[in-house]
Amino acid sequence: MSDNIYKPYLMEIDNVIEETPDVRTFRLKFKNAEDAEKFTFKAGQFGEYSVFGEGESTFCVASSPTRKGYIECTFRKAGRVTNALANLEAGDTVGFRGPYGNTFPIEEWEGKNLLYIAGGIALPPMRCVIWNTIDLREKYKDITIVYGARTVSDLVYKHELKEWEERPDIRLVTTVDPGGQTPDWKGEIGFVPMVLEKLAPSSENTIAILCGPPVMIKFTMPVLKKLGFQDKDIYTTLENRMKCGFGKCGRCNVGKVFVCKDGPVFSYEQILSLPEEY
């Protein structure tokens, strides 16, 4: 990038996937071949995606660094910029600033079991690290993914969920809230914390990676503690409040922490040290 830290890469939308009625995934490729050659990132980092004339929105990089030549982002239509993004099509140009933030310490997790727990639109921030560890499958022991949404239609990455379900080296458990199932639904029915408690995965030599709506996290944490997980072995990623990516605007400041610089990946042990109101 140039000396102007706010100047984005120019990216072309290579593919658009309609995940749900209000959630889209973009596959983006660099318009400049030299930018594509030099660009690197790690699982857990995020970026600023822009529609020129409308503004920027902050999302994780949802694809894995093991997949070269492109990046992907998944977003829900929720405001001015995300609605403008949703109106774009393959071949259109967007801006991308990044990558920013810290990363999931996947090297420290080698030789351990991995338990991924996600709810709704919170699967995209975890998709990057899920694929990263799947692509390095020989480095990890058991991999379990527990994913829930309000209804069947709210499940994102349906084609990948099918692929994970068919893999013999991954255990996938999907669930929808009571009343959210369809006649042909074969997954679990119930809220994520209840399904997790029923599943009762072992905490021995296991890292838990949790991301979801605040209410889901609130009720899932006691289940993890009941199962014997230590605070240092539970990780999450916080995306809310971030704006500039540099710690300059102060929007994501919490106590002494800037989520965009010191995060967005935190262990639960680190989160407990943040101000209580956060």
C-alpha atoms as a PDB file:
ATOM      1  CA  MET A   1       0.000   0.000   0.000  1.00  0.00           C
ATOM      2  CA  SER A   2       1.026   3.629  -0.371  1.00  0.00           C
ATOM      3  CA  ASP A   3       2.171   5.884   2.470  1.00  0.00           C
ATOM      4  CA  ASN A   4      -1.459   6.935   2.863  1.00  0.00           C
ATOM      5  CA  ILE A   5      -2.695   4.517   5.522  1.00  0.00           C
ATOM      6  CA  TYR A   6      -6.316   5.206   4.575  1.00  0.00           C
ATOM      7  CA  LYS A   7      -5.895   4.333   0.889  1.00  0.00           C
ATOM      8  CA  PRO A   8      -7.578   0.996   0.153  1.00  0.00           C
ATOM      9  CA  TYR A   9      -6.629  -1.790  -2.197  1.00  0.00           C
ATOM     10  CA  LEU A  10      -8.898  -1.939  -5.241  1.00  0.00           C
ATOM     11  CA  MET A  11     -10.717  -5.260  -5.315  1.00  0.00           C
ATOM     12  CA  GLU A  12     -12.985  -6.790  -7.935  1.00  0.00           C
ATOM     13  CA  ILE A  13     -15.976  -8.855  -6.870  1.00  0.00           C
ATOM     14  CA  ASP A  14     -15.234 -12.231  -8.434  1.00  0.00           C
ATOM     15  CA  ASN A  15     -18.237 -14.115  -7.069  1.00  0.00           C
ATOM     16  CA  VAL A  16     -21.372 -13.451  -5.014  1.00  0.00           C
ATOM     17  CA  ILE A  17     -23.101 -16.077  -2.874  1.00  0.00           C
ATOM     18  CA  GLU A  18     -26.568 -15.471  -1.425  1.00  0.00           C
ATOM     19  CA  GLU A  19     -26.225 -17.142   1.978  1.00  0.00           C
ATOM     20  CA  THR A  20     -29.634 -16.107   3.371  1.00  0.00           C
ATOM     21  CA  PRO A  21     -32.232 -13.520   2.321  1.00  0.00           C
ATOM     22  CA  ASP A  22     -30.136 -10.773   3.973  1.00  0.00           C
ATOM     23  CA  VAL A  23     -26.596 -12.224   4.102  1.00  0.00           C
ATOM     24  CA  ARG A  24     -24.103 -12.281   1.233  1.00  0.00           C
ATOM     25  CA  THR A  25     -20.575 -13.561   0.709  1.00  0.00           C
ATOM     26  CA  PHE A  26     -18.188 -11.817  -1.689  1.00  0.00           C
ATOM     27  CA  ARG A  27     -15.065 -13.398  -3.134  1.00  0.00           C
ATOM     28  CA  LEU A  28     -12.686 -10.529  -3.861  1.00  0.00           C
ATOM     29  CA  LYS A  29      -9.598 -10.494  -6.066  1.00  0.00           C
ATOM     30  CA  PHE A  30      -6.954  -7.769  -6.238  1.00  0.00           C
ATOM     31  CA  LYS A  31      -7.131  -5.632  -9.352  1.00  0.00           C
ATOM     32  CA  ASN A  32      -3.371  -5.055  -9.123  1.00  0.00           C
ATOM     33  CA  ALA A  33      -1.313  -8.245  -9.561  1.00  0.00           C
ATOM     34  CA  GLU A  34       1.558  -6.844  -7.479  1.00  0.00           C
ATOM     35  CA  ASP A  35      -0.800  -6.197  -4.561  1.00  0.00           C
ATOM     36  CA  ALA A  36      -2.068  -9.764  -4.803  1.00  0.00           C
ATOM     37  CA  GLU A  37       1.477 -11.142  -4.758  1.00  0.00           C
ATOM     38  CA  LYS A  38       2.524  -9.190  -1.664  1.00  0.00           C
ATOM     39  CA  PHE A  39      -0.660  -9.491   0.386  1.00  0.00           C
ATOM     40  CA  THR A  40      -0.674 -11.800   3.419  1.00  0.00           C
ATOM     41  CA  PHE A  41      -2.903 -12.209   6.465  1.00  0.00           C
ATOM     42  CA  LYS A  42      -3.577 -14.627   9.308  1.00  0.00           C
ATOM     43  CA  ALA A  43      -6.717 -16.211  10.719  1.00  0.00           C
ATOM     44  CA  GLY A  44      -8.658 -13.788  12.895  1.00  0.00           C
ATOM     45  CA  GLN A  45      -7.669 -10.531  11.212  1.00  0.00           C
ATOM     46  CA  PHE A  46     -10.207  -8.092   9.800  1.00  0.00           C
ATOM     47  CA  GLY A  47     -10.462  -5.333   7.230  1.00  0.00           C
ATOM     48  CA  GLU A  48     -12.404  -2.253   6.171  1.00  0.00           C
ATOM     49  CA  TYR A  49     -14.574  -2.837   3.102  1.00  0.00           C
ATOM     50  CA  SER A  50     -15.725   0.254   1.230  1.00  0.00           C
ATOM     51  CA  VAL A  51     -18.251   1.301  -1.368  1.00  0.00           C
ATOM     52  CA  PHE A  52     -16.941   4.487  -2.888  1.00  0.00           C
ATOM     53  CA  GLY A  53     -19.250   7.387  -2.135  1.00  0.00           C
ATOM     54  CA  GLU A  54     -20.983   5.495   0.691  1.00  0.00           C
ATOM     55  CA  GLY A  55     -18.321   4.654   3.299  1.00  0.00           C
ATOM     56  CA  GLU A  56     -16.649   1.678   4.975  1.00  0.00           C
ATOM     57  CA  SER A  57     -17.789  -1.267   7.073  1.00  0.00           C
ATOM     58  CA  THR A  58     -15.686  -3.540   9.273  1.00  0.00           C
ATOM     59  CA  PHE A  59     -15.771  -7.315   8.754  1.00  0.00           C
ATOM     60  CA  CYS A  60     -13.434 -10.202   9.363  1.00  0.00           C
ATOM     61  CA  VAL A  61     -11.599 -11.832   6.491  1.00  0.00           C
ATOM     62  CA  ALA A  62     -13.810 -14.909   6.265  1.00  0.00           C
ATOM     63  CA  SER A  63     -11.538 -16.993   4.033  1.00  0.00           C
ATOM     64  CA  SER A  64      -8.449 -18.885   5.151  1.00  0.00           C
ATOM     65  CA  PRO A  65      -4.856 -17.760   4.500  1.00  0.00           C
ATOM     66  CA  THR A  66      -4.267 -21.260   3.154  1.00  0.00           C
ATOM     67  CA  ARG A  67      -6.496 -20.356   0.192  1.00  0.00           C
ATOM     68  CA  LYS A  68      -4.410 -18.117  -2.049  1.00  0.00           C
ATOM     69  CA  GLY A  69      -5.311 -15.537  -4.674  1.00  0.00           C
ATOM     70  CA  TYR A  70      -8.427 -14.071  -3.079  1.00  0.00           C
ATOM     71  CA  ILE A  71     -10.130 -13.047   0.143  1.00  0.00           C
ATOM     72  CA  GLU A  72     -13.765 -13.433   1.138  1.00  0.00           C
ATOM     73  CA  CYS A  73     -16.112 -11.484   3.376  1.00  0.00           C
ATOM     74  CA  THR A  74     -19.619 -12.231   4.578  1.00  0.00           C
ATOM     75  CA  PHE A  75     -21.989  -9.495   5.714  1.00  0.00           C
ATOM     76  CA  ARG A  76     -25.594  -8.863   6.655  1.00  0.00           C
ATOM     77  CA  LYS A  77     -27.552  -5.963   5.201  1.00  0.00           C
ATOM     78  CA  ALA A  78     -27.950  -3.728   8.225  1.00  0.00           C
ATOM     79  CA  GLY A  79     -27.074  -0.142   7.352  1.00  0.00           C
ATOM     80  CA  ARG A  80     -26.056   2.324   4.687  1.00  0.00           C
ATOM     81  CA  VAL A  81     -22.761   0.712   3.644  1.00  0.00           C
ATOM     82  CA  THR A  82     -23.872  -2.913   3.897  1.00  0.00           C
ATOM     83  CA  ASN A  83     -26.985  -2.142   1.842  1.00  0.00           C
ATOM     84  CA  ALA A  84     -24.779  -0.451  -0.760  1.00  0.00           C
ATOM     85  CA  LEU A  85     -22.512  -3.516  -0.780  1.00  0.00           C
ATOM     86  CA  ALA A  86     -25.517  -5.777  -1.233  1.00  0.00           C
ATOM     87  CA  ASN A  87     -26.474  -3.856  -4.384  1.00  0.00           C
ATOM     88  CA  LEU A  88     -23.138  -4.672  -6.035  1.00  0.00           C
ATOM     89  CA  GLU A  89     -22.597  -7.555  -8.416  1.00  0.00           C
ATOM     90  CA  ALA A  90     -19.740  -9.659  -9.794  1.00  0.00           C
ATOM     91  CA  GLY A  91     -17.357  -7.436 -11.728  1.00  0.00           C
ATOM     92  CA  ASP A  92     -17.939  -4.364  -9.557  1.00  0.00           C
ATOM     93  CA  THR A  93     -15.101  -2.705  -7.627  1.00  0.00           C
ATOM     94  CA  VAL A  94     -14.845  -2.236  -3.851  1.00  0.00           C
ATOM     95  CA  GLY A  95     -12.097  -0.974  -1.581  1.00  0.00           C
ATOM     96  CA  PHE A  96     -10.325  -2.995   1.092  1.00  0.00           C
ATOM     97  CA  ARG A  97      -8.040  -1.760   3.879  1.00  0.00           C
ATOM     98  CA  GLY A  98      -6.231  -4.321   5.979  1.00  0.00           C
ATOM     99  CA  PRO A  99      -5.437  -6.731   7.352  1.00  0.00           C
ATOM    100  CA  TYR A 100      -5.693  -5.367  10.894  1.00  0.00           C
ATOM    101  CA  GLY A 101      -5.727  -6.820  14.372  1.00  0.00           C
ATOM    102  CA  ASN A 102      -4.251  -9.858  16.064  1.00  0.00           C
ATOM    103  CA  THR A 103      -4.785 -13.514  15.203  1.00  0.00           C
ATOM    104  CA  PHE A 104      -5.955 -16.844  16.548  1.00  0.00           C
ATOM    105  CA  PRO A 105      -2.864 -18.598  18.019  1.00  0.00           C
ATOM    106  CA  ILE A 106      -3.339 -21.741  15.948  1.00  0.00           C
ATOM    107  CA  GLU A 107       0.332 -22.715  16.295  1.00  0.00           C
ATOM    108  CA  GLU A 108      -0.159 -22.972  20.067  1.00  0.00           C
ATOM    109  CA  TRP A 109      -3.203 -25.193  19.492  1.00  0.00           C
ATOM    110  CA  GLU A 110      -1.299 -27.879  17.595  1.00  0.00           C
ATOM    111  CA  GLY A 111      -1.797 -31.318  19.110  1.00  0.00           C
ATOM    112  CA  LYS A 112      -5.046 -30.259  20.809  1.00  0.00           C
ATOM    113  CA  ASN A 113      -8.737 -30.915  20.230  1.00  0.00           C
ATOM    114  CA  LEU A 114     -10.667 -27.943  18.827  1.00  0.00           C
ATOM    115  CA  LEU A 115     -14.276 -27.104  19.721  1.00  0.00           C
ATOM    116  CA  TYR A 116     -15.877 -24.382  17.587  1.00  0.00           C
ATOM    117  CA  ILE A 117     -19.180 -22.900  18.826  1.00  0.00           C
ATOM    118  CA  ALA A 118     -21.003 -20.324  16.708  1.00  0.00           C
ATOM    119  CA  GLY A 119     -24.442 -18.774  16.421  1.00  0.00           C
ATOM    120  CA  GLY A 120     -26.086 -17.181  13.392  1.00  0.00           C
ATOM    121  CA  ILE A 121     -24.045 -14.575  11.539  1.00  0.00           C
ATOM    122  CA  ALA A 122     -21.161 -15.216  13.965  1.00  0.00           C
ATOM    123  CA  LEU A 123     -19.975 -18.195  11.932  1.00  0.00           C
ATOM    124  CA  PRO A 124     -18.171 -15.968   9.357  1.00  0.00           C
ATOM    125  CA  PRO A 125     -15.583 -14.651  11.877  1.00  0.00           C
ATOM    126  CA  MET A 126     -14.812 -18.295  12.735  1.00  0.00           C
ATOM    127  CA  ARG A 127     -14.900 -19.671   9.183  1.00  0.00           C
ATOM    128  CA  CYS A 128     -11.394 -18.378   8.536  1.00  0.00           C
ATOM    129  CA  VAL A 129      -9.833 -20.261  11.445  1.00  0.00           C
ATOM    130  CA  ILE A 130     -12.020 -23.328  10.889  1.00  0.00           C
ATOM    131  CA  TRP A 131     -10.789 -23.710   7.325  1.00  0.00           C
ATOM    132  CA  ASN A 132      -7.248 -22.826   8.386  1.00  0.00           C
ATOM    133  CA  THR A 133      -7.147 -25.708  10.858  1.00  0.00           C
ATOM    134  CA  ILE A 134      -9.002 -28.085   8.516  1.00  0.00           C
ATOM    135  CA  ASP A 135      -6.454 -27.360   5.774  1.00  0.00           C
ATOM    136  CA  LEU A 136      -3.737 -28.228   8.318  1.00  0.00           C
ATOM    137  CA  ARG A 137      -5.772 -31.171   9.607  1.00  0.00           C
ATOM    138  CA  GLU A 138      -2.791 -33.348  10.539  1.00  0.00           C
ATOM    139  CA  LYS A 139      -1.679 -30.807  13.154  1.00  0.00           C
ATOM    140  CA  TYR A 140      -4.817 -31.113  15.310  1.00  0.00           C
ATOM    141  CA  LYS A 141      -6.716 -33.875  17.042  1.00  0.00           C
ATOM    142  CA  ASP A 142     -10.529 -33.959  17.157  1.00  0.00           C
ATOM    143  CA  ILE A 143     -12.358 -31.045  15.520  1.00  0.00           C
ATOM    144  CA  THR A 144     -15.962 -30.417  16.561  1.00  0.00           C
ATOM    145  CA  ILE A 145     -18.178 -27.633  15.196  1.00  0.00           C
ATOM    146  CA  VAL A 146     -21.420 -26.682  16.956  1.00  0.00           C
ATOM    147  CA  TYR A 147     -23.413 -24.169  14.939  1.00  0.00           C
ATOM    148  CA  GLY A 148     -26.902 -22.838  15.505  1.00  0.00           C
ATOM    149  CA  ALA A 149     -29.256 -20.284  13.994  1.00  0.00           C
ATOM    150  CA  ARG A 150     -32.755 -19.011  14.605  1.00  0.00           C
ATOM    151  CA  THR A 151     -34.198 -20.876  11.618  1.00  0.00           C
ATOM    152  CA  VAL A 152     -32.969 -23.209   8.883  1.00  0.00           C
ATOM    153  CA  SER A 153     -33.022 -20.327   6.397  1.00  0.00           C
ATOM    154  CA  ASP A 154     -30.725 -18.307   8.696  1.00  0.00           C
ATOM    155  CA  LEU A 155     -27.903 -20.873   8.505  1.00  0.00           C
ATOM    156  CA  VAL A 156     -24.999 -19.490   6.482  1.00  0.00           C
ATOM    157  CA  TYR A 157     -22.483 -21.470   4.368  1.00  0.00           C
ATOM    158  CA  LYS A 158     -25.028 -24.239   3.767  1.00  0.00           C
ATOM    159  CA  HIS A 159     -22.873 -25.819   1.049  1.00  0.00           C
ATOM    160  CA  GLU A 160     -19.891 -25.929   3.412  1.00  0.00           C
ATOM    161  CA  LEU A 161     -21.958 -27.286   6.274  1.00  0.00           C
ATOM    162  CA  LYS A 162     -22.858 -30.202   4.005  1.00  0.00           C
ATOM    163  CA  GLU A 163     -19.182 -30.714   3.169  1.00  0.00           C
ATOM    164  CA  TRP A 164     -18.166 -30.646   6.844  1.00  0.00           C
ATOM    165  CA  GLU A 165     -20.976 -33.038   7.716  1.00  0.00           C
ATOM    166  CA  GLU A 166     -19.706 -35.555   5.165  1.00  0.00           C
ATOM    167  CA  ARG A 167     -16.088 -35.422   6.311  1.00  0.00           C
ATOM    168  CA  PRO A 168     -15.095 -38.350   8.562  1.00  0.00           C
ATOM    169  CA  ASP A 169     -12.443 -36.282  10.365  1.00  0.00           C
ATOM    170  CA  ILE A 170     -14.831 -33.547  11.606  1.00  0.00           C
ATOM    171  CA  ARG A 171     -17.868 -33.685  13.863  1.00  0.00           C
ATOM    172  CA  LEU A 172     -20.522 -31.137  12.909  1.00  0.00           C
ATOM    173  CA  VAL A 173     -23.601 -30.508  15.047  1.00  0.00           C
ATOM    174  CA  THR A 174     -26.142 -28.035  13.678  1.00  0.00           C
ATOM    175  CA  THR A 175     -29.194 -26.773  15.529  1.00  0.00           C
ATOM    176  CA  VAL A 176     -32.062 -24.317  15.081  1.00  0.00           C
ATOM    177  CA  ASP A 177     -34.249 -22.642  17.676  1.00  0.00           C
ATOM    178  CA  PRO A 178     -37.535 -24.363  18.545  1.00  0.00           C
ATOM    179  CA  GLY A 179     -39.997 -23.561  15.777  1.00  0.00           C
ATOM    180  CA  GLY A 180     -37.241 -22.763  13.287  1.00  0.00           C
ATOM    181  CA  GLN A 181     -37.047 -26.228  11.744  1.00  0.00           C
ATOM    182  CA  THR A 182     -38.431 -27.373   8.388  1.00  0.00           C
ATOM    183  CA  PRO A 183     -40.183 -30.727   7.794  1.00  0.00           C
ATOM    184  CA  ASP A 184     -36.972 -32.223   6.354  1.00  0.00           C
ATOM    185  CA  TRP A 185     -34.638 -30.834   9.071  1.00  0.00           C
ATOM    186  CA  LYS A 186     -32.371 -33.578  10.456  1.00  0.00           C
ATOM    187  CA  GLY A 187     -30.258 -31.544  12.865  1.00  0.00           C
ATOM    188  CA  GLU A 188     -30.821 -30.679  16.503  1.00  0.00           C
ATOM    189  CA  ILE A 189     -33.643 -28.454  17.738  1.00  0.00           C
ATOM    190  CA  GLY A 190     -32.734 -26.200  20.639  1.00  0.00           C
ATOM    191  CA  PHE A 191     -30.608 -23.250  21.668  1.00  0.00           C
ATOM    192  CA  VAL A 192     -26.843 -23.603  21.295  1.00  0.00           C
ATOM    193  CA  PRO A 193     -26.061 -23.714  25.068  1.00  0.00           C
ATOM    194  CA  MET A 194     -28.596 -26.525  25.566  1.00  0.00           C
ATOM    195  CA  VAL A 195     -27.237 -28.513  22.629  1.00  0.00           C
ATOM    196  CA  LEU A 196     -23.669 -28.009  23.842  1.00  0.00           C
ATOM    197  CA  GLU A 197     -24.558 -29.269  27.313  1.00  0.00           C
ATOM    198  CA  LYS A 198     -26.266 -32.294  25.777  1.00  0.00           C
ATOM    199  CA  LEU A 199     -23.217 -32.961  23.603  1.00  0.00           C
ATOM    200  CA  ALA A 200     -20.918 -32.620  26.650  1.00  0.00           C
ATOM    201  CA  PRO A 201     -17.559 -32.468  24.836  1.00  0.00           C
ATOM    202  CA  SER A 202     -14.499 -33.202  26.939  1.00  0.00           C
ATOM    203  CA  SER A 203     -12.447 -30.213  28.068  1.00  0.00           C
ATOM    204  CA  GLU A 204      -9.284 -32.293  28.352  1.00  0.00           C
ATOM    205  CA  ASN A 205      -6.607 -31.019  25.947  1.00  0.00           C
ATOM    206  CA  THR A 206      -9.302 -28.980  24.193  1.00  0.00           C
ATOM    207  CA  ILE A 207      -9.486 -25.381  23.017  1.00  0.00           C
ATOM    208  CA  ALA A 208     -12.950 -23.812  22.739  1.00  0.00           C
ATOM    209  CA  ILE A 209     -13.514 -21.047  20.187  1.00  0.00           C
ATOM    210  CA  LEU A 210     -16.807 -19.230  20.788  1.00  0.00           C
ATOM    211  CA  CYS A 211     -18.545 -16.512  18.799  1.00  0.00           C
ATOM    212  CA  GLY A 212     -22.168 -15.461  18.704  1.00  0.00           C
ATOM    213  CA  PRO A 213     -24.786 -12.966  19.849  1.00  0.00           C
ATOM    214  CA  PRO A 214     -24.218 -11.639  23.400  1.00  0.00           C
ATOM    215  CA  VAL A 215     -27.150 -13.608  24.787  1.00  0.00           C
ATOM    216  CA  MET A 216     -25.736 -16.840  23.346  1.00  0.00           C
ATOM    217  CA  ILE A 217     -22.315 -16.179  24.821  1.00  0.00           C
ATOM    218  CA  LYS A 218     -23.884 -15.261  28.177  1.00  0.00           C
ATOM    219  CA  PHE A 219     -25.563 -18.658  28.468  1.00  0.00           C
ATOM    220  CA  THR A 220     -22.818 -20.708  26.776  1.00  0.00           C
ATOM    221  CA  MET A 221     -19.996 -19.628  29.071  1.00  0.00           C
ATOM    222  CA  PRO A 222     -21.514 -21.287  32.191  1.00  0.00           C
ATOM    223  CA  VAL A 223     -21.870 -24.510  30.193  1.00  0.00           C
ATOM    224  CA  LEU A 224     -18.208 -24.419  29.185  1.00  0.00           C
ATOM    225  CA  LYS A 225     -17.203 -23.756  32.785  1.00  0.00           C
ATOM    226  CA  LYS A 226     -19.427 -26.640  33.940  1.00  0.00           C
ATOM    227  CA  LEU A 227     -17.674 -28.895  31.417  1.00  0.00           C
ATOM    228  CA  GLY A 228     -14.318 -27.952  32.932  1.00  0.00           C
ATOM    229  CA  PHE A 229     -12.910 -25.482  30.397  1.00  0.00           C
ATOM    230  CA  GLN A 230     -10.362 -23.028  31.794  1.00  0.00           C
ATOM    231  CA  ASP A 231     -10.611 -19.308  30.988  1.00  0.00           C
ATOM    232  CA  LYS A 232      -7.275 -19.388  29.161  1.00  0.00           C
ATOM    233  CA  ASP A 233      -8.520 -22.164  26.845  1.00  0.00           C
ATOM    234  CA  ILE A 234     -11.618 -20.284  25.631  1.00  0.00           C
ATOM    235  CA  TYR A 235     -11.236 -17.804  22.760  1.00  0.00           C
ATOM    236  CA  THR A 236     -13.571 -15.399  21.025  1.00  0.00           C
ATOM    237  CA  THR A 237     -13.391 -12.574  18.498  1.00  0.00           C
ATOM    238  CA  LEU A 238     -14.983  -9.165  19.085  1.00  0.00           C
ATOM    239  CA  GLU A 239     -15.929  -7.113  16.040  1.00  0.00           C
ATOM    240  CA  ASN A 240     -18.356  -4.583  17.414  1.00  0.00           C
ATOM    241  CA  ARG A 241     -17.385  -0.921  17.777  1.00  0.00           C
ATOM    242  CA  MET A 242     -14.381  -1.048  15.437  1.00  0.00           C
ATOM    243  CA  LYS A 243     -14.187   1.667  12.793  1.00  0.00           C
ATOM    244  CA  CYS A 244     -10.785   3.040  11.740  1.00  0.00           C
ATOM    245  CA  GLY A 245      -8.631  -0.069  12.273  1.00  0.00           C
ATOM    246  CA  PHE A 246      -5.710   1.869  13.767  1.00  0.00           C
ATOM    247  CA  GLY A 247      -6.841   2.798  17.270  1.00  0.00           C
ATOM    248  CA  LYS A 248      -7.112   6.451  16.218  1.00  0.00           C
ATOM    249  CA  CYS A 249     -10.852   7.101  16.339  1.00  0.00           C
ATOM    250  CA  GLY A 250     -11.245   5.632  19.840  1.00  0.00           C
ATOM    251  CA  ARG A 251     -14.578   4.043  19.063  1.00  0.00           C
ATOM    252  CA  CYS A 252     -13.454   0.550  20.147  1.00  0.00           C
ATOM    253  CA  ASN A 253     -11.549   1.690  23.232  1.00  0.00           C
ATOM    254  CA  VAL A 254     -12.331  -0.348  26.365  1.00  0.00           C
ATOM    255  CA  GLY A 255     -10.256   0.636  29.390  1.00  0.00           C
ATOM    256  CA  LYS A 256      -6.642   0.365  28.239  1.00  0.00           C
ATOM    257  CA  VAL A 257      -7.568  -1.847  25.284  1.00  0.00           C
ATOM    258  CA  PHE A 258      -8.265  -0.924  21.683  1.00  0.00           C
ATOM    259  CA  VAL A 259     -10.187  -3.837  20.185  1.00  0.00           C
ATOM    260  CA  CYS A 260      -8.871  -3.103  16.679  1.00  0.00           C
ATOM    261  CA  LYS A 261      -5.230  -3.157  17.811  1.00  0.00           C
ATOM    262  CA  ASP A 262      -5.173  -5.461  20.831  1.00  0.00           C
ATOM    263  CA  GLY A 263      -7.884  -7.726  19.384  1.00  0.00           C
ATOM    264  CA  PRO A 264     -10.201  -8.672  17.908  1.00  0.00           C
ATOM    265  CA  VAL A 265      -9.156 -12.120  19.199  1.00  0.00           C
ATOM    266  CA  PHE A 266      -9.188 -12.483  22.981  1.00  0.00           C
ATOM    267  CA  SER A 267      -9.079 -15.356  25.418  1.00  0.00           C
ATOM    268  CA  TYR A 268     -11.834 -15.371  28.009  1.00  0.00           C
ATOM    269  CA  GLU A 269      -9.100 -14.804  30.591  1.00  0.00           C
ATOM    270  CA  GLN A 270      -8.258 -11.514  28.860  1.00  0.00           C
ATOM    271  CA  ILE A 271     -11.918 -10.511  28.552  1.00  0.00           C
ATOM    272  CA  LEU A 272     -12.398 -10.914  32.302  1.00  0.00           C
ATOM    273  CA  SER A 273      -9.770  -8.186  32.801  1.00  0.00           C
ATOM    274  CA  LEU A 274     -11.778  -5.673  30.739  1.00  0.00           C
ATOM    275  CA  PRO A 275     -14.122  -3.173  32.438  1.00  0.00           C
ATOM    276  CA  GLU A 276     -17.246  -4.922  33.697  1.00  0.00           C
ATOM    277  CA  GLU A 277     -19.620  -2.805  31.645  1.00  0.00           C
ATOM    278  CA  TYR A 278     -18.090  -4.168  28.416  1.00  0.00           C
END
